[in-house]
N, C-alpha and C. Protein backbone atom coordinates (compact mmCIF):
# COMPACT_ATOMS: atom_id res chain seq x y z
N MET A 1 13.59 0.56 2.57
CA MET A 1 12.89 1.63 3.25
C MET A 1 11.40 1.28 3.29
N ARG A 2 10.82 1.39 4.48
CA ARG A 2 9.39 1.11 4.65
C ARG A 2 8.69 2.42 5.03
N GLU A 3 7.55 2.65 4.41
CA GLU A 3 6.74 3.81 4.79
C GLU A 3 5.29 3.37 4.90
N TYR A 4 4.57 3.99 5.82
CA TYR A 4 3.15 3.71 5.98
C TYR A 4 2.35 4.81 5.31
N VAL A 5 1.32 4.39 4.60
CA VAL A 5 0.46 5.34 3.88
C VAL A 5 -0.99 5.00 4.18
N TRP A 6 -1.76 6.02 4.54
CA TRP A 6 -3.20 5.85 4.73
C TRP A 6 -3.86 5.91 3.36
N VAL A 7 -4.70 4.93 3.07
CA VAL A 7 -5.45 4.89 1.81
C VAL A 7 -6.87 5.37 2.11
N PRO A 8 -7.21 6.60 1.72
CA PRO A 8 -8.56 7.10 1.99
C PRO A 8 -9.61 6.31 1.22
N GLU A 9 -10.83 6.34 1.72
CA GLU A 9 -11.92 5.67 1.01
C GLU A 9 -12.11 6.31 -0.35
N GLY A 10 -12.28 5.48 -1.35
CA GLY A 10 -12.44 5.96 -2.71
C GLY A 10 -13.90 6.17 -3.06
N SER A 11 -14.15 6.23 -4.34
CA SER A 11 -15.52 6.43 -4.83
C SER A 11 -15.80 5.42 -5.94
N VAL A 12 -17.06 5.32 -6.31
CA VAL A 12 -17.44 4.44 -7.41
C VAL A 12 -16.95 5.11 -8.70
N LYS A 13 -16.18 4.38 -9.47
CA LYS A 13 -15.59 4.93 -10.69
C LYS A 13 -16.61 4.90 -11.83
N PRO A 14 -16.55 5.88 -12.74
CA PRO A 14 -17.48 5.93 -13.86
C PRO A 14 -17.49 4.63 -14.67
N GLY A 15 -18.67 4.18 -15.01
CA GLY A 15 -18.82 2.98 -15.81
C GLY A 15 -18.73 1.68 -15.02
N THR A 16 -18.60 1.79 -13.69
CA THR A 16 -18.53 0.59 -12.85
C THR A 16 -19.46 0.73 -11.66
N THR A 17 -19.57 -0.32 -10.90
CA THR A 17 -20.31 -0.28 -9.63
C THR A 17 -19.36 -0.57 -8.48
N ILE A 18 -18.06 -0.47 -8.76
CA ILE A 18 -17.04 -0.83 -7.78
C ILE A 18 -16.43 0.43 -7.17
N GLN A 19 -16.34 0.44 -5.84
CA GLN A 19 -15.68 1.54 -5.13
C GLN A 19 -14.19 1.25 -5.08
N LEU A 20 -13.38 2.18 -5.62
CA LEU A 20 -11.93 2.01 -5.65
C LEU A 20 -11.25 3.23 -5.07
N SER A 21 -10.13 3.00 -4.39
CA SER A 21 -9.35 4.11 -3.87
C SER A 21 -8.69 4.86 -5.02
N ASP A 22 -8.40 6.13 -4.79
CA ASP A 22 -7.75 6.95 -5.80
C ASP A 22 -6.26 6.62 -5.86
N PRO A 23 -5.58 6.95 -6.96
CA PRO A 23 -4.13 6.75 -7.03
C PRO A 23 -3.43 7.50 -5.90
N ILE A 24 -2.36 6.90 -5.39
CA ILE A 24 -1.61 7.47 -4.27
C ILE A 24 -0.30 8.04 -4.82
N PRO A 25 -0.10 9.37 -4.75
CA PRO A 25 1.16 9.94 -5.23
C PRO A 25 2.32 9.42 -4.37
N LEU A 26 3.38 8.99 -5.02
CA LEU A 26 4.56 8.49 -4.31
C LEU A 26 5.54 9.63 -4.11
N GLU A 27 6.05 9.74 -2.89
CA GLU A 27 7.06 10.75 -2.58
C GLU A 27 8.37 10.34 -3.24
N PRO A 28 9.07 11.29 -3.84
CA PRO A 28 10.37 10.94 -4.43
C PRO A 28 11.36 10.56 -3.32
N THR A 29 12.34 9.75 -3.68
CA THR A 29 13.36 9.34 -2.71
C THR A 29 14.70 9.96 -3.09
N ASP A 30 15.65 9.88 -2.15
CA ASP A 30 16.97 10.48 -2.36
C ASP A 30 17.80 9.75 -3.41
N SER A 31 17.63 8.43 -3.48
CA SER A 31 18.47 7.67 -4.42
C SER A 31 17.61 6.88 -5.39
N GLU A 32 18.14 6.69 -6.56
CA GLU A 32 17.45 5.94 -7.61
C GLU A 32 17.18 4.50 -7.18
N SER A 33 18.13 3.89 -6.46
CA SER A 33 18.00 2.48 -6.09
C SER A 33 16.88 2.23 -5.10
N SER A 34 16.53 3.23 -4.30
CA SER A 34 15.47 3.01 -3.31
C SER A 34 14.11 3.49 -3.80
N ALA A 35 14.07 4.01 -5.03
CA ALA A 35 12.81 4.55 -5.55
C ALA A 35 11.83 3.47 -5.95
N GLN A 36 12.33 2.31 -6.34
CA GLN A 36 11.49 1.23 -6.84
C GLN A 36 10.64 0.62 -5.72
N VAL A 37 9.33 0.57 -5.92
CA VAL A 37 8.46 -0.10 -4.95
C VAL A 37 8.63 -1.60 -5.14
N GLU A 38 9.01 -2.29 -4.09
CA GLU A 38 9.25 -3.73 -4.14
C GLU A 38 8.06 -4.52 -3.61
N GLN A 39 7.45 -4.02 -2.54
CA GLN A 39 6.34 -4.74 -1.91
C GLN A 39 5.29 -3.75 -1.42
N VAL A 40 4.06 -4.22 -1.39
CA VAL A 40 2.96 -3.49 -0.77
C VAL A 40 2.25 -4.46 0.16
N TRP A 41 2.10 -4.05 1.40
CA TRP A 41 1.45 -4.86 2.43
C TRP A 41 0.19 -4.15 2.89
N THR A 42 -0.92 -4.86 2.98
CA THR A 42 -2.14 -4.33 3.58
C THR A 42 -2.11 -4.67 5.06
N LEU A 43 -2.47 -3.69 5.89
CA LEU A 43 -2.47 -3.88 7.34
C LEU A 43 -3.92 -3.94 7.82
N PRO A 44 -4.52 -5.14 7.82
CA PRO A 44 -5.95 -5.28 8.08
C PRO A 44 -6.39 -4.87 9.48
N TYR A 45 -5.47 -4.83 10.43
CA TYR A 45 -5.84 -4.47 11.80
C TYR A 45 -5.67 -2.98 12.06
N PHE A 46 -5.32 -2.23 11.03
CA PHE A 46 -5.17 -0.77 11.15
C PHE A 46 -6.10 -0.12 10.14
N ARG A 47 -7.36 0.04 10.55
CA ARG A 47 -8.40 0.57 9.65
C ARG A 47 -8.86 1.96 10.10
N ASN A 48 -8.11 2.58 11.01
CA ASN A 48 -8.44 3.90 11.53
C ASN A 48 -7.29 4.84 11.20
N GLN A 49 -7.59 5.93 10.53
CA GLN A 49 -6.54 6.86 10.11
C GLN A 49 -5.79 7.45 11.30
N ASP A 50 -6.44 7.57 12.44
CA ASP A 50 -5.81 8.17 13.61
C ASP A 50 -4.87 7.23 14.34
N ILE A 51 -4.88 5.94 14.00
CA ILE A 51 -4.02 4.97 14.67
C ILE A 51 -3.00 4.45 13.66
N LYS A 52 -1.85 5.12 13.62
CA LYS A 52 -0.79 4.75 12.67
C LYS A 52 -0.07 3.50 13.18
N PRO A 53 0.25 2.58 12.29
CA PRO A 53 0.98 1.38 12.70
C PRO A 53 2.36 1.75 13.27
N PRO A 54 2.84 0.98 14.26
CA PRO A 54 4.16 1.28 14.82
C PRO A 54 5.27 0.91 13.83
N ALA A 55 6.35 1.66 13.87
CA ALA A 55 7.49 1.40 12.98
C ALA A 55 8.06 0.01 13.19
N SER A 56 7.90 -0.53 14.39
CA SER A 56 8.46 -1.84 14.72
C SER A 56 7.56 -3.01 14.33
N LEU A 57 6.42 -2.73 13.68
CA LEU A 57 5.49 -3.80 13.32
C LEU A 57 6.16 -4.82 12.42
N LYS A 58 6.14 -6.07 12.84
CA LYS A 58 6.70 -7.16 12.03
C LYS A 58 5.67 -7.53 10.97
N LEU A 59 6.06 -7.46 9.71
CA LEU A 59 5.15 -7.78 8.61
C LEU A 59 5.19 -9.27 8.35
N THR A 60 4.15 -9.97 8.78
CA THR A 60 4.06 -11.42 8.61
C THR A 60 2.78 -11.72 7.84
N HIS A 61 2.94 -12.28 6.64
CA HIS A 61 1.79 -12.55 5.78
C HIS A 61 0.80 -13.49 6.46
N GLY A 62 -0.45 -13.08 6.47
CA GLY A 62 -1.51 -13.89 7.05
C GLY A 62 -1.68 -13.72 8.55
N GLU A 63 -0.77 -12.98 9.18
CA GLU A 63 -0.88 -12.74 10.62
C GLU A 63 -1.07 -11.25 10.90
N THR A 64 -0.02 -10.47 10.67
CA THR A 64 -0.11 -9.03 10.95
C THR A 64 -0.39 -8.22 9.70
N ALA A 65 -0.20 -8.83 8.53
CA ALA A 65 -0.34 -8.09 7.28
C ALA A 65 -0.64 -9.06 6.14
N ILE A 66 -0.98 -8.48 4.99
CA ILE A 66 -1.22 -9.27 3.79
C ILE A 66 -0.26 -8.76 2.71
N LEU A 67 0.61 -9.63 2.23
CA LEU A 67 1.53 -9.26 1.17
C LEU A 67 0.76 -9.28 -0.15
N GLU A 68 0.63 -8.11 -0.76
CA GLU A 68 -0.14 -8.00 -2.00
C GLU A 68 0.74 -8.34 -3.21
N THR A 69 0.11 -8.77 -4.29
CA THR A 69 0.81 -9.22 -5.49
C THR A 69 0.88 -8.10 -6.51
N ILE A 70 2.10 -7.83 -7.00
CA ILE A 70 2.26 -6.80 -8.02
C ILE A 70 1.46 -7.19 -9.27
N SER A 71 0.96 -6.22 -9.96
CA SER A 71 0.12 -6.33 -11.15
C SER A 71 -1.32 -6.71 -10.81
N HIS A 72 -1.52 -7.69 -9.96
CA HIS A 72 -2.88 -8.09 -9.59
C HIS A 72 -3.47 -7.15 -8.54
N ASP A 73 -2.70 -6.82 -7.50
CA ASP A 73 -3.20 -6.03 -6.37
C ASP A 73 -2.69 -4.59 -6.36
N TRP A 74 -1.60 -4.32 -7.04
CA TRP A 74 -1.06 -2.96 -7.08
C TRP A 74 -0.13 -2.80 -8.28
N PHE A 75 0.03 -1.55 -8.70
CA PHE A 75 1.00 -1.23 -9.74
C PHE A 75 1.34 0.25 -9.62
N VAL A 76 2.46 0.64 -10.21
CA VAL A 76 2.91 2.03 -10.20
C VAL A 76 2.87 2.54 -11.63
N ARG A 77 2.28 3.74 -11.77
CA ARG A 77 2.21 4.37 -13.09
C ARG A 77 2.31 5.88 -12.90
N LEU A 78 3.22 6.50 -13.64
CA LEU A 78 3.39 7.95 -13.64
C LEU A 78 3.51 8.52 -12.23
N GLY A 79 4.33 7.87 -11.39
CA GLY A 79 4.60 8.38 -10.05
C GLY A 79 3.50 8.16 -9.03
N CYS A 80 2.51 7.34 -9.37
CA CYS A 80 1.42 7.05 -8.44
C CYS A 80 1.29 5.54 -8.23
N LEU A 81 0.93 5.17 -7.01
CA LEU A 81 0.65 3.77 -6.69
C LEU A 81 -0.85 3.56 -6.82
N TYR A 82 -1.22 2.57 -7.60
CA TYR A 82 -2.63 2.18 -7.75
C TYR A 82 -2.82 0.93 -6.90
N TYR A 83 -3.56 1.09 -5.81
CA TYR A 83 -3.77 0.00 -4.86
C TYR A 83 -5.11 -0.67 -5.14
N ARG A 84 -5.08 -1.97 -5.43
CA ARG A 84 -6.29 -2.74 -5.70
C ARG A 84 -6.29 -4.02 -4.87
N GLY A 85 -5.70 -3.94 -3.69
CA GLY A 85 -5.53 -5.10 -2.83
C GLY A 85 -6.76 -5.45 -2.02
N LYS A 86 -6.54 -6.06 -0.89
CA LYS A 86 -7.59 -6.60 -0.02
C LYS A 86 -8.68 -5.57 0.28
N PHE A 87 -8.30 -4.32 0.53
CA PHE A 87 -9.27 -3.27 0.82
C PHE A 87 -9.19 -2.20 -0.28
N ALA A 88 -9.45 -2.62 -1.51
CA ALA A 88 -9.32 -1.74 -2.68
C ALA A 88 -10.19 -0.49 -2.57
N GLN A 89 -11.26 -0.57 -1.78
CA GLN A 89 -12.13 0.59 -1.60
C GLN A 89 -11.49 1.65 -0.72
N GLY A 90 -10.38 1.31 -0.05
CA GLY A 90 -9.69 2.26 0.82
C GLY A 90 -10.10 2.09 2.27
N GLY A 91 -9.69 3.06 3.08
CA GLY A 91 -10.00 3.00 4.51
C GLY A 91 -9.08 2.07 5.27
N CYS A 92 -7.79 2.06 4.89
CA CYS A 92 -6.82 1.20 5.58
C CYS A 92 -5.41 1.77 5.44
N TRP A 93 -4.54 1.30 6.31
CA TRP A 93 -3.12 1.62 6.20
C TRP A 93 -2.45 0.54 5.35
N ILE A 94 -1.46 0.95 4.55
CA ILE A 94 -0.63 0.00 3.84
C ILE A 94 0.84 0.32 4.15
N ALA A 95 1.68 -0.68 4.03
CA ALA A 95 3.13 -0.48 4.15
C ALA A 95 3.72 -0.63 2.75
N ILE A 96 4.51 0.36 2.36
CA ILE A 96 5.19 0.33 1.07
C ILE A 96 6.66 0.10 1.35
N VAL A 97 7.22 -0.94 0.75
CA VAL A 97 8.63 -1.26 0.92
C VAL A 97 9.33 -0.95 -0.40
N ARG A 98 10.36 -0.09 -0.32
CA ARG A 98 11.11 0.30 -1.51
C ARG A 98 12.53 -0.24 -1.44
N GLY A 99 13.16 -0.32 -2.59
CA GLY A 99 14.56 -0.75 -2.65
C GLY A 99 14.69 -2.23 -2.41
N SER A 100 15.83 -2.63 -1.93
CA SER A 100 16.13 -4.05 -1.77
C SER A 100 15.88 -4.55 -0.36
N GLN A 101 15.05 -3.86 0.41
CA GLN A 101 14.79 -4.27 1.78
C GLN A 101 13.50 -5.06 1.89
N SER A 102 13.30 -6.00 1.01
CA SER A 102 12.10 -6.84 1.06
C SER A 102 12.03 -7.54 2.40
N THR A 103 10.80 -7.64 2.94
CA THR A 103 10.64 -8.16 4.29
C THR A 103 9.71 -9.35 4.33
N HIS A 104 9.58 -10.09 3.24
CA HIS A 104 8.63 -11.21 3.21
C HIS A 104 8.97 -12.26 4.25
N GLN A 105 7.94 -12.62 5.03
CA GLN A 105 8.11 -13.63 6.07
C GLN A 105 6.99 -14.61 6.01
């Protein structure tokens, strides 16, 4: 299952000089097997909240999207996705892939 999520611009966090997006609450899914976040893709050409990426967008690393690395660029904790990828400050669309439908190309 793929879903698109707008990552709003974050703020400078206390004790740092880095602007980071806030945690993103994850919507619960119908089945346990599809709840696991498998991949997070940054969509660098979709930086406007009003222009949602099309459902048919082919996720190709380095062309249409950037496949982010778990632990380094994103992680899930207490039902929230912490995005620290290419645009960690926010202001971009990301694609979240759950379950076993990994789409790495």
